[in-house]
Amino acid sequence: MEFHEKLHDMAMKEGLKGRKLHKSVESFTWNITILKGQADLLKHARAEVLENLKQIHYAALTCNLVKGGTGPSSGSGSGSKGRRSLDVIPETVAEKAVGEDYITDEEN
């Protein structure tokens, strides 16, 4: 966004005048708008994916598919011959930040 503020002066230094100057600034503004929208969609998709991973993890815990898990089916191991156990999904710093507001250029 800082670049956008200086774009008009930079374009004039490069020799753009009149219609070409206006068109280039307008095109840049449109592209920034599109990129912001795409970034917002990606942020929401990422949050949705992380939520789905959490649900899968909790389902695995419930079905006793996690190593060392204490789900409701912790009875005899005869029925779990074909099951594979899943490791616990560690929560990363990025996953913890999903609930937090991101500081982005669009907010500045």
PDB file of N, CA and C in Angstrom:
ATOM      1  N   MET A   1       0.828  -1.190   0.000  1.00  0.00           N
ATOM      2  CA  MET A   1       0.000   0.000   0.000  1.00  0.00           C
ATOM      3  C   MET A   1       0.872   1.253   0.000  1.00  0.00           C
ATOM      4  N   GLU A   2       2.048   1.161   0.595  1.00  0.00           N
ATOM      5  CA  GLU A   2       2.962   2.296   0.559  1.00  0.00           C
ATOM      6  C   GLU A   2       3.368   2.594  -0.880  1.00  0.00           C
ATOM      7  N   PHE A   3       3.588   1.531  -1.653  1.00  0.00           N
ATOM      8  CA  PHE A   3       3.950   1.681  -3.051  1.00  0.00           C
ATOM      9  C   PHE A   3       2.823   2.376  -3.809  1.00  0.00           C
ATOM     10  N   HIS A   4       1.585   2.069  -3.484  1.00  0.00           N
ATOM     11  CA  HIS A   4       0.438   2.673  -4.164  1.00  0.00           C
ATOM     12  C   HIS A   4       0.407   4.178  -3.941  1.00  0.00           C
ATOM     13  N   GLU A   5       0.775   4.618  -2.746  1.00  0.00           N
ATOM     14  CA  GLU A   5       0.783   6.046  -2.442  1.00  0.00           C
ATOM     15  C   GLU A   5       1.829   6.781  -3.273  1.00  0.00           C
ATOM     16  N   LYS A   6       2.927   6.115  -3.589  1.00  0.00           N
ATOM     17  CA  LYS A   6       4.012   6.738  -4.353  1.00  0.00           C
ATOM     18  C   LYS A   6       3.917   6.458  -5.850  1.00  0.00           C
ATOM     19  N   LEU A   7       2.945   5.685  -6.260  1.00  0.00           N
ATOM     20  CA  LEU A   7       2.848   5.234  -7.645  1.00  0.00           C
ATOM     21  C   LEU A   7       2.706   6.394  -8.622  1.00  0.00           C
ATOM     22  N   HIS A   8       1.881   7.364  -8.303  1.00  0.00           N
ATOM     23  CA  HIS A   8       1.647   8.491  -9.205  1.00  0.00           C
ATOM     24  C   HIS A   8       2.946   9.244  -9.477  1.00  0.00           C
ATOM     25  N   ASP A   9       3.690   9.542  -8.421  1.00  0.00           N
ATOM     26  CA  ASP A   9       4.963  10.257  -8.592  1.00  0.00           C
ATOM     27  C   ASP A   9       5.971   9.418  -9.359  1.00  0.00           C
ATOM     28  N   MET A  10       6.025   8.123  -9.078  1.00  0.00           N
ATOM     29  CA  MET A  10       6.964   7.238  -9.772  1.00  0.00           C
ATOM     30  C   MET A  10       6.629   7.138 -11.259  1.00  0.00           C
ATOM     31  N   ALA A  11       5.354   7.060 -11.574  1.00  0.00           N
ATOM     32  CA  ALA A  11       4.936   6.973 -12.969  1.00  0.00           C
ATOM     33  C   ALA A  11       5.281   8.261 -13.716  1.00  0.00           C
ATOM     34  N   MET A  12       5.128   9.395 -13.056  1.00  0.00           N
ATOM     35  CA  MET A  12       5.480  10.670 -13.684  1.00  0.00           C
ATOM     36  C   MET A  12       6.982  10.748 -13.938  1.00  0.00           C
ATOM     37  N   LYS A  13       7.784  10.233 -13.000  1.00  0.00           N
ATOM     38  CA  LYS A  13       9.240  10.225 -13.188  1.00  0.00           C
ATOM     39  C   LYS A  13       9.638   9.357 -14.373  1.00  0.00           C
ATOM     40  N   GLU A  14       8.850   8.305 -14.640  1.00  0.00           N
ATOM     41  CA  GLU A  14       9.127   7.405 -15.760  1.00  0.00           C
ATOM     42  C   GLU A  14       8.618   7.964 -17.085  1.00  0.00           C
ATOM     43  N   GLY A  15       7.963   9.106 -17.044  1.00  0.00           N
ATOM     44  CA  GLY A  15       7.522   9.747 -18.276  1.00  0.00           C
ATOM     45  C   GLY A  15       6.078   9.503 -18.650  1.00  0.00           C
ATOM     46  N   LEU A  16       5.302   8.891 -17.793  1.00  0.00           N
ATOM     47  CA  LEU A  16       3.886   8.679 -18.101  1.00  0.00           C
ATOM     48  C   LEU A  16       3.115   9.971 -17.862  1.00  0.00           C
ATOM     49  N   LYS A  17       2.224  10.273 -18.801  1.00  0.00           N
ATOM     50  CA  LYS A  17       1.442  11.509 -18.691  1.00  0.00           C
ATOM     51  C   LYS A  17       0.004  11.226 -19.096  1.00  0.00           C
ATOM     52  N   GLY A  18      -0.870  12.036 -18.619  1.00  0.00           N
ATOM     53  CA  GLY A  18      -2.259  12.023 -19.046  1.00  0.00           C
ATOM     54  C   GLY A  18      -2.953  10.688 -18.908  1.00  0.00           C
ATOM     55  N   ARG A  19      -3.468  10.217 -20.037  1.00  0.00           N
ATOM     56  CA  ARG A  19      -4.276   8.999 -20.035  1.00  0.00           C
ATOM     57  C   ARG A  19      -3.479   7.769 -19.626  1.00  0.00           C
ATOM     58  N   LYS A  20      -2.229   7.655 -20.094  1.00  0.00           N
ATOM     59  CA  LYS A  20      -1.407   6.498 -19.731  1.00  0.00           C
ATOM     60  C   LYS A  20      -1.133   6.476 -18.233  1.00  0.00           C
ATOM     61  N   LEU A  21      -0.897   7.620 -17.657  1.00  0.00           N
ATOM     62  CA  LEU A  21      -0.668   7.708 -16.210  1.00  0.00           C
ATOM     63  C   LEU A  21      -1.917   7.275 -15.459  1.00  0.00           C
ATOM     64  N   HIS A  22      -3.057   7.805 -15.855  1.00  0.00           N
ATOM     65  CA  HIS A  22      -4.320   7.462 -15.200  1.00  0.00           C
ATOM     66  C   HIS A  22      -4.632   5.972 -15.349  1.00  0.00           C
ATOM     67  N   LYS A  23      -4.416   5.455 -16.549  1.00  0.00           N
ATOM     68  CA  LYS A  23      -4.705   4.045 -16.808  1.00  0.00           C
ATOM     69  C   LYS A  23      -3.813   3.128 -15.981  1.00  0.00           C
ATOM     70  N   SER A  24      -2.526   3.455 -15.849  1.00  0.00           N
ATOM     71  CA  SER A  24      -1.615   2.612 -15.073  1.00  0.00           C
ATOM     72  C   SER A  24      -1.958   2.638 -13.582  1.00  0.00           C
ATOM     73  N   VAL A  25      -2.307   3.792 -13.066  1.00  0.00           N
ATOM     74  CA  VAL A  25      -2.697   3.886 -11.651  1.00  0.00           C
ATOM     75  C   VAL A  25      -4.000   3.128 -11.420  1.00  0.00           C
ATOM     76  N   GLU A  26      -4.943   3.271 -12.349  1.00  0.00           N
ATOM     77  CA  GLU A  26      -6.215   2.558 -12.230  1.00  0.00           C
ATOM     78  C   GLU A  26      -6.013   1.041 -12.295  1.00  0.00           C
ATOM     79  N   SER A  27      -5.156   0.591 -13.189  1.00  0.00           N
ATOM     80  CA  SER A  27      -4.871  -0.840 -13.324  1.00  0.00           C
ATOM     81  C   SER A  27      -4.210  -1.381 -12.061  1.00  0.00           C
ATOM     82  N   PHE A  28      -3.256  -0.634 -11.531  1.00  0.00           N
ATOM     83  CA  PHE A  28      -2.589  -1.066 -10.301  1.00  0.00           C
ATOM     84  C   PHE A  28      -3.590  -1.153  -9.154  1.00  0.00           C
ATOM     85  N   THR A  29      -4.462  -0.170  -9.036  1.00  0.00           N
ATOM     86  CA  THR A  29      -5.473  -0.161  -7.977  1.00  0.00           C
ATOM     87  C   THR A  29      -6.395  -1.378  -8.105  1.00  0.00           C
ATOM     88  N   TRP A  30      -6.812  -1.689  -9.329  1.00  0.00           N
ATOM     89  CA  TRP A  30      -7.671  -2.856  -9.557  1.00  0.00           C
ATOM     90  C   TRP A  30      -6.951  -4.138  -9.155  1.00  0.00           C
ATOM     91  N   ASN A  31      -5.692  -4.276  -9.551  1.00  0.00           N
ATOM     92  CA  ASN A  31      -4.929  -5.475  -9.220  1.00  0.00           C
ATOM     93  C   ASN A  31      -4.770  -5.640  -7.711  1.00  0.00           C
ATOM     94  N   ILE A  32      -4.534  -4.559  -7.007  1.00  0.00           N
ATOM     95  CA  ILE A  32      -4.415  -4.620  -5.545  1.00  0.00           C
ATOM     96  C   ILE A  32      -5.737  -5.076  -4.931  1.00  0.00           C
ATOM     97  N   THR A  33      -6.844  -4.575  -5.456  1.00  0.00           N
ATOM     98  CA  THR A  33      -8.165  -4.976  -4.951  1.00  0.00           C
ATOM     99  C   THR A  33      -8.385  -6.470  -5.144  1.00  0.00           C
ATOM    100  N   ILE A  34      -8.019  -6.980  -6.315  1.00  0.00           N
ATOM    101  CA  ILE A  34      -8.169  -8.410  -6.599  1.00  0.00           C
ATOM    102  C   ILE A  34      -7.287  -9.230  -5.664  1.00  0.00           C
ATOM    103  N   LEU A  35      -6.049  -8.807  -5.475  1.00  0.00           N
ATOM    104  CA  LEU A  35      -5.124  -9.541  -4.604  1.00  0.00           C
ATOM    105  C   LEU A  35      -5.602  -9.555  -3.157  1.00  0.00           C
ATOM    106  N   LYS A  36      -6.154  -8.453  -2.694  1.00  0.00           N
ATOM    107  CA  LYS A  36      -6.697  -8.425  -1.332  1.00  0.00           C
ATOM    108  C   LYS A  36      -7.847  -9.415  -1.176  1.00  0.00           C
ATOM    109  N   GLY A  37      -8.707  -9.471  -2.181  1.00  0.00           N
ATOM    110  CA  GLY A  37      -9.817 -10.416  -2.138  1.00  0.00           C
ATOM    111  C   GLY A  37      -9.331 -11.851  -2.134  1.00  0.00           C
ATOM    112  N   GLN A  38      -8.335 -12.154  -2.946  1.00  0.00           N
ATOM    113  CA  GLN A  38      -7.784 -13.508  -2.989  1.00  0.00           C
ATOM    114  C   GLN A  38      -7.120 -13.863  -1.655  1.00  0.00           C
ATOM    115  N   ALA A  39      -6.396 -12.914  -1.071  1.00  0.00           N
ATOM    116  CA  ALA A  39      -5.751 -13.165   0.227  1.00  0.00           C
ATOM    117  C   ALA A  39      -6.805 -13.443   1.298  1.00  0.00           C
ATOM    118  N   ASP A  40      -7.904 -12.718   1.248  1.00  0.00           N
ATOM    119  CA  ASP A  40      -8.984 -12.932   2.211  1.00  0.00           C
ATOM    120  C   ASP A  40      -9.612 -14.312   2.034  1.00  0.00           C
ATOM    121  N   LEU A  41      -9.832 -14.713   0.780  1.00  0.00           N
ATOM    122  CA  LEU A  41     -10.376 -16.048   0.524  1.00  0.00           C
ATOM    123  C   LEU A  41      -9.424 -17.138   1.011  1.00  0.00           C
ATOM    124  N   LEU A  42      -8.142 -16.961   0.778  1.00  0.00           N
ATOM    125  CA  LEU A  42      -7.157 -17.943   1.238  1.00  0.00           C
ATOM    126  C   LEU A  42      -7.115 -18.028   2.762  1.00  0.00           C
ATOM    127  N   LYS A  43      -7.233 -16.887   3.416  1.00  0.00           N
ATOM    128  CA  LYS A  43      -7.221 -16.877   4.879  1.00  0.00           C
ATOM    129  C   LYS A  43      -8.411 -17.650   5.437  1.00  0.00           C
ATOM    130  N   HIS A  44      -9.574 -17.435   4.829  1.00  0.00           N
ATOM    131  CA  HIS A  44     -10.775 -18.148   5.291  1.00  0.00           C
ATOM    132  C   HIS A  44     -10.694 -19.639   4.964  1.00  0.00           C
ATOM    133  N   ALA A  45     -10.169 -19.979   3.807  1.00  0.00           N
ATOM    134  CA  ALA A  45     -10.024 -21.393   3.435  1.00  0.00           C
ATOM    135  C   ALA A  45      -9.055 -22.090   4.376  1.00  0.00           C
ATOM    136  N   ARG A  46      -7.976 -21.412   4.746  1.00  0.00           N
ATOM    137  CA  ARG A  46      -6.994 -21.987   5.674  1.00  0.00           C
ATOM    138  C   ARG A  46      -7.632 -22.241   7.040  1.00  0.00           C
ATOM    139  N   ALA A  47      -8.409 -21.284   7.508  1.00  0.00           N
ATOM    140  CA  ALA A  47      -9.083 -21.455   8.799  1.00  0.00           C
ATOM    141  C   ALA A  47     -10.054 -22.634   8.747  1.00  0.00           C
ATOM    142  N   GLU A  48     -10.752 -22.784   7.621  1.00  0.00           N
ATOM    143  CA  GLU A  48     -11.694 -23.894   7.471  1.00  0.00           C
ATOM    144  C   GLU A  48     -10.958 -25.233   7.447  1.00  0.00           C
ATOM    145  N   VAL A  49      -9.834 -25.289   6.746  1.00  0.00           N
ATOM    146  CA  VAL A  49      -9.047 -26.520   6.689  1.00  0.00           C
ATOM    147  C   VAL A  49      -8.536 -26.898   8.079  1.00  0.00           C
ATOM    148  N   LEU A  50      -8.045 -25.922   8.825  1.00  0.00           N
ATOM    149  CA  LEU A  50      -7.557 -26.213  10.176  1.00  0.00           C
ATOM    150  C   LEU A  50      -8.681 -26.709  11.084  1.00  0.00           C
ATOM    151  N   GLU A  51      -9.873 -26.147  10.908  1.00  0.00           N
ATOM    152  CA  GLU A  51     -11.015 -26.607  11.695  1.00  0.00           C
ATOM    153  C   GLU A  51     -11.365 -28.051  11.322  1.00  0.00           C
ATOM    154  N   ASN A  52     -11.307 -28.359  10.029  1.00  0.00           N
ATOM    155  CA  ASN A  52     -11.572 -29.733   9.591  1.00  0.00           C
ATOM    156  C   ASN A  52     -10.537 -30.703  10.145  1.00  0.00           C
ATOM    157  N   LEU A  53      -9.274 -30.299  10.165  1.00  0.00           N
ATOM    158  CA  LEU A  53      -8.226 -31.153  10.735  1.00  0.00           C
ATOM    159  C   LEU A  53      -8.470 -31.407  12.221  1.00  0.00           C
ATOM    160  N   LYS A  54      -8.911 -30.380  12.924  1.00  0.00           N
ATOM    161  CA  LYS A  54      -9.215 -30.566  14.346  1.00  0.00           C
ATOM    162  C   LYS A  54     -10.358 -31.567  14.526  1.00  0.00           C
ATOM    163  N   GLN A  55     -11.377 -31.459  13.677  1.00  0.00           N
ATOM    164  CA  GLN A  55     -12.507 -32.376  13.776  1.00  0.00           C
ATOM    165  C   GLN A  55     -12.074 -33.807  13.468  1.00  0.00           C
ATOM    166  N   ILE A  56     -11.214 -33.972  12.485  1.00  0.00           N
ATOM    167  CA  ILE A  56     -10.693 -35.306  12.167  1.00  0.00           C
ATOM    168  C   ILE A  56      -9.903 -35.846  13.340  1.00  0.00           C
ATOM    169  N   HIS A  57      -9.088 -35.013  13.936  1.00  0.00           N
ATOM    170  CA  HIS A  57      -8.284 -35.433  15.088  1.00  0.00           C
ATOM    171  C   HIS A  57      -9.181 -35.860  16.252  1.00  0.00           C
ATOM    172  N   TYR A  58     -10.200 -35.066  16.545  1.00  0.00           N
ATOM    173  CA  TYR A  58     -11.093 -35.424  17.650  1.00  0.00           C
ATOM    174  C   TYR A  58     -11.890 -36.683  17.331  1.00  0.00           C
ATOM    175  N   ALA A  59     -12.254 -36.884  16.077  1.00  0.00           N
ATOM    176  CA  ALA A  59     -12.941 -38.120  15.688  1.00  0.00           C
ATOM    177  C   ALA A  59     -12.015 -39.315  15.879  1.00  0.00           C
ATOM    178  N   ALA A  60     -10.733 -39.142  15.541  1.00  0.00           N
ATOM    179  CA  ALA A  60      -9.766 -40.225  15.731  1.00  0.00           C
ATOM    180  C   ALA A  60      -9.595 -40.528  17.216  1.00  0.00           C
ATOM    181  N   LEU A  61      -9.595 -39.493  18.038  1.00  0.00           N
ATOM    182  CA  LEU A  61      -9.506 -39.704  19.484  1.00  0.00           C
ATOM    183  C   LEU A  61     -10.729 -40.470  19.987  1.00  0.00           C
ATOM    184  N   THR A  62     -11.897 -40.074  19.508  1.00  0.00           N
ATOM    185  CA  THR A  62     -13.136 -40.715  19.936  1.00  0.00           C
ATOM    186  C   THR A  62     -13.172 -42.185  19.538  1.00  0.00           C
ATOM    187  N   CYS A  63     -12.646 -42.497  18.363  1.00  0.00           N
ATOM    188  CA  CYS A  63     -12.656 -43.878  17.870  1.00  0.00           C
ATOM    189  C   CYS A  63     -11.434 -44.671  18.324  1.00  0.00           C
ATOM    190  N   ASN A  64     -10.643 -44.075  19.169  1.00  0.00           N
ATOM    191  CA  ASN A  64      -9.452 -44.726  19.728  1.00  0.00           C
ATOM    192  C   ASN A  64      -8.464 -45.128  18.619  1.00  0.00           C
ATOM    193  N   LEU A  65      -8.261 -44.243  17.664  1.00  0.00           N
ATOM    194  CA  LEU A  65      -7.310 -44.480  16.584  1.00  0.00           C
ATOM    195  C   LEU A  65      -5.979 -43.774  16.830  1.00  0.00           C
ATOM    196  N   VAL A  66      -5.854 -43.110  17.960  1.00  0.00           N
ATOM    197  CA  VAL A  66      -4.648 -42.359  18.281  1.00  0.00           C
ATOM    198  C   VAL A  66      -3.802 -43.166  19.242  1.00  0.00           C
ATOM    199  N   LYS A  67      -2.497 -43.175  19.009  1.00  0.00           N
ATOM    200  CA  LYS A  67      -1.610 -43.891  19.929  1.00  0.00           C
ATOM    201  C   LYS A  67      -1.767 -43.313  21.325  1.00  0.00           C
ATOM    202  N   GLY A  68      -2.015 -44.185  22.285  1.00  0.00           N
ATOM    203  CA  GLY A  68      -2.163 -43.747  23.672  1.00  0.00           C
ATOM    204  C   GLY A  68      -3.483 -43.048  23.940  1.00  0.00           C
ATOM    205  N   GLY A  69      -4.426 -43.068  22.987  1.00  0.00           N
ATOM    206  CA  GLY A  69      -5.713 -42.402  23.161  1.00  0.00           C
ATOM    207  C   GLY A  69      -6.591 -43.153  24.138  1.00  0.00           C
ATOM    208  N   THR A  70      -7.475 -42.449  24.788  1.00  0.00           N
ATOM    209  CA  THR A  70      -8.393 -43.069  25.738  1.00  0.00           C
ATOM    210  C   THR A  70      -9.819 -42.819  25.274  1.00  0.00           C
ATOM    211  N   GLY A  71     -10.139 -43.335  24.110  1.00  0.00           N
ATOM    212  CA  GLY A  71     -11.490 -43.183  23.571  1.00  0.00           C
ATOM    213  C   GLY A  71     -12.421 -44.194  24.174  1.00  0.00           C
ATOM    214  N   PRO A  72     -13.691 -44.145  23.795  1.00  0.00           N
ATOM    215  CA  PRO A  72     -14.688 -45.045  24.363  1.00  0.00           C
ATOM    216  C   PRO A  72     -14.490 -46.501  23.953  1.00  0.00           C
ATOM    217  N   SER A  73     -13.783 -46.779  22.855  1.00  0.00           N
ATOM    218  CA  SER A  73     -13.623 -48.171  22.425  1.00  0.00           C
ATOM    219  C   SER A  73     -12.262 -48.715  22.834  1.00  0.00           C
ATOM    220  N   SER A  74     -11.865 -48.478  24.071  1.00  0.00           N
ATOM    221  CA  SER A  74     -10.554 -48.930  24.542  1.00  0.00           C
ATOM    222  C   SER A  74     -10.627 -50.318  25.160  1.00  0.00           C
ATOM    223  N   GLY A  75     -11.551 -51.126  24.664  1.00  0.00           N
ATOM    224  CA  GLY A  75     -11.730 -52.491  25.176  1.00  0.00           C
ATOM    225  C   GLY A  75     -10.688 -53.411  24.594  1.00  0.00           C
ATOM    226  N   SER A  76     -11.102 -54.598  24.157  1.00  0.00           N
ATOM    227  CA  SER A  76     -10.163 -55.587  23.633  1.00  0.00           C
ATOM    228  C   SER A  76      -9.617 -55.134  22.287  1.00  0.00           C
ATOM    229  N   GLY A  77      -8.414 -55.548  21.970  1.00  0.00           N
ATOM    230  CA  GLY A  77      -7.764 -55.144  20.741  1.00  0.00           C
ATOM    231  C   GLY A  77      -8.052 -56.069  19.592  1.00  0.00           C
ATOM    232  N   SER A  78      -8.942 -57.047  19.729  1.00  0.00           N
ATOM    233  CA  SER A  78      -9.187 -58.009  18.652  1.00  0.00           C
ATOM    234  C   SER A  78      -9.856 -57.359  17.442  1.00  0.00           C
ATOM    235  N   GLY A  79     -10.691 -56.364  17.655  1.00  0.00           N
ATOM    236  CA  GLY A  79     -11.381 -55.722  16.545  1.00  0.00           C
ATOM    237  C   GLY A  79     -10.546 -54.670  15.856  1.00  0.00           C
ATOM    238  N   SER A  80      -9.406 -54.341  16.374  1.00  0.00           N
ATOM    239  CA  SER A  80      -8.612 -53.264  15.793  1.00  0.00           C
ATOM    240  C   SER A  80      -7.427 -53.780  15.007  1.00  0.00           C
ATOM    241  N   LYS A  81      -7.519 -55.008  14.495  1.00  0.00           N
ATOM    242  CA  LYS A  81      -6.404 -55.590  13.762  1.00  0.00           C
ATOM    243  C   LYS A  81      -6.087 -54.797  12.503  1.00  0.00           C
ATOM    244  N   GLY A  82      -7.099 -54.367  11.756  1.00  0.00           N
ATOM    245  CA  GLY A  82      -6.889 -53.649  10.516  1.00  0.00           C
ATOM    246  C   GLY A  82      -6.725 -52.151  10.698  1.00  0.00           C
ATOM    247  N   ARG A  83      -6.892 -51.647  11.883  1.00  0.00           N
ATOM    248  CA  ARG A  83      -6.799 -50.202  12.126  1.00  0.00           C
ATOM    249  C   ARG A  83      -5.358 -49.762  12.231  1.00  0.00           C
ATOM    250  N   ARG A  84      -5.130 -48.574  11.774  1.00  0.00           N
ATOM    251  CA  ARG A  84      -3.819 -47.968  11.942  1.00  0.00           C
ATOM    252  C   ARG A  84      -3.975 -46.860  12.971  1.00  0.00           C
ATOM    253  N   SER A  85      -3.027 -46.700  13.830  1.00  0.00           N
ATOM    254  CA  SER A  85      -3.133 -45.645  14.826  1.00  0.00           C
ATOM    255  C   SER A  85      -2.533 -44.358  14.275  1.00  0.00           C
ATOM    256  N   LEU A  86      -3.115 -43.256  14.674  1.00  0.00           N
ATOM    257  CA  LEU A  86      -2.670 -41.939  14.234  1.00  0.00           C
ATOM    258  C   LEU A  86      -1.944 -41.255  15.373  1.00  0.00           C
ATOM    259  N   ASP A  87      -0.894 -40.537  15.030  1.00  0.00           N
ATOM    260  CA  ASP A  87      -0.193 -39.755  16.037  1.00  0.00           C
ATOM    261  C   ASP A  87      -1.004 -38.510  16.348  1.00  0.00           C
ATOM    262  N   VAL A  88      -0.744 -37.935  17.505  1.00  0.00           N
ATOM    263  CA  VAL A  88      -1.407 -36.705  17.891  1.00  0.00           C
ATOM    264  C   VAL A  88      -0.943 -35.594  16.962  1.00  0.00           C
ATOM    265  N   ILE A  89      -1.883 -34.783  16.501  1.00  0.00           N
ATOM    266  CA  ILE A  89      -1.548 -33.669  15.628  1.00  0.00           C
ATOM    267  C   ILE A  89      -1.075 -32.512  16.495  1.00  0.00           C
ATOM    268  N   PRO A  90       0.205 -32.153  16.398  1.00  0.00           N
ATOM    269  CA  PRO A  90       0.691 -31.035  17.213  1.00  0.00           C
ATOM    270  C   PRO A  90       0.158 -29.718  16.672  1.00  0.00           C
ATOM    271  N   GLU A  91      -0.187 -28.823  17.567  1.00  0.00           N
ATOM    272  CA  GLU A  91      -0.692 -27.518  17.169  1.00  0.00           C
ATOM    273  C   GLU A  91       0.487 -26.578  16.981  1.00  0.00           C
ATOM    274  N   THR A  92       0.610 -26.036  15.797  1.00  0.00           N
ATOM    275  CA  THR A  92       1.719 -25.149  15.499  1.00  0.00           C
ATOM    276  C   THR A  92       1.355 -23.717  15.850  1.00  0.00           C
ATOM    277  N   VAL A  93       2.346 -22.871  15.788  1.00  0.00           N
ATOM    278  CA  VAL A  93       2.126 -21.451  16.060  1.00  0.00           C
ATOM    279  C   VAL A  93       1.145 -20.878  15.046  1.00  0.00           C
ATOM    280  N   ALA A  94       1.253 -21.319  13.801  1.00  0.00           N
ATOM    281  CA  ALA A  94       0.349 -20.825  12.758  1.00  0.00           C
ATOM    282  C   ALA A  94      -1.091 -21.226  13.053  1.00  0.00           C
ATOM    283  N   GLU A  95      -1.306 -22.432  13.547  1.00  0.00           N
ATOM    284  CA  GLU A  95      -2.660 -22.876  13.855  1.00  0.00           C
ATOM    285  C   GLU A  95      -3.232 -22.107  15.038  1.00  0.00           C
ATOM    286  N   LYS A  96      -2.389 -21.747  15.976  1.00  0.00           N
ATOM    287  CA  LYS A  96      -2.856 -20.965  17.116  1.00  0.00           C
ATOM    288  C   LYS A  96      -3.280 -19.569  16.674  1.00  0.00           C
ATOM    289  N   ALA A  97      -2.658 -19.078  15.606  1.00  0.00           N
ATOM    290  CA  ALA A  97      -2.944 -17.734  15.125  1.00  0.00           C
ATOM    291  C   ALA A  97      -4.231 -17.650  14.321  1.00  0.00           C
ATOM    292  N   VAL A  98      -4.846 -18.780  13.994  1.00  0.00           N
ATOM    293  CA  VAL A  98      -6.063 -18.758  13.184  1.00  0.00           C
ATOM    294  C   VAL A  98      -7.158 -17.981  13.894  1.00  0.00           C
ATOM    295  N   GLY A  99      -7.282 -18.145  15.163  1.00  0.00           N
ATOM    296  CA  GLY A  99      -8.304 -17.446  15.920  1.00  0.00           C
ATOM    297  C   GLY A  99      -7.992 -15.979  16.134  1.00  0.00           C
ATOM    298  N   GLU A 100      -6.751 -15.603  15.926  1.00  0.00           N
ATOM    299  CA  GLU A 100      -6.352 -14.227  16.137  1.00  0.00           C
ATOM    300  C   GLU A 100      -6.514 -13.432  14.856  1.00  0.00           C
ATOM    301  N   ASP A 101      -6.606 -12.111  15.005  1.00  0.00           N
ATOM    302  CA  ASP A 101      -6.690 -11.263  13.814  1.00  0.00           C
ATOM    303  C   ASP A 101      -5.303 -11.100  13.232  1.00  0.00           C
ATOM    304  N   TYR A 102      -5.201 -11.262  11.929  1.00  0.00           N
ATOM    305  CA  TYR A 102      -3.923 -11.075  11.249  1.00  0.00           C
ATOM    306  C   TYR A 102      -3.673  -9.591  11.042  1.00  0.00           C
ATOM    307  N   ILE A 103      -2.451  -9.202  11.210  1.00  0.00           N
ATOM    308  CA  ILE A 103      -2.072  -7.834  10.915  1.00  0.00           C
ATOM    309  C   ILE A 103      -1.580  -7.833   9.473  1.00  0.00           C
ATOM    310  N   THR A 104      -2.358  -7.222   8.616  1.00  0.00           N
ATOM    311  CA  THR A 104      -2.012  -7.219   7.212  1.00  0.00           C
ATOM    312  C   THR A 104      -1.957  -5.795   6.708  1.00  0.00           C
ATOM    313  N   ASP A 105      -1.495  -5.637   5.506  1.00  0.00           N
ATOM    314  CA  ASP A 105      -1.415  -4.314   4.895  1.00  0.00           C
ATOM    315  C   ASP A 105      -2.786  -3.723   4.688  1.00  0.00           C
ATOM    316  N   GLU A 106      -3.794  -4.566   4.495  1.00  0.00           N
ATOM    317  CA  GLU A 106      -5.127  -4.043   4.239  1.00  0.00           C
ATOM    318  C   GLU A 106      -5.711  -3.376   5.473  1.00  0.00           C
ATOM    319  N   GLU A 107      -5.236  -3.703   6.639  1.00  0.00           N
ATOM    320  CA  GLU A 107      -5.742  -3.105   7.860  1.00  0.00           C
ATOM    321  C   GLU A 107      -5.045  -1.797   8.164  1.00  0.00           C
ATOM    322  N   ASN A 108      -3.908  -1.573   7.556  1.00  0.00           N
ATOM    323  CA  ASN A 108      -3.140  -0.337   7.805  1.00  0.00           C
ATOM    324  C   ASN A 108      -3.612   0.775   6.921  1.00  0.00           C
TER     325      ASN A 108
END
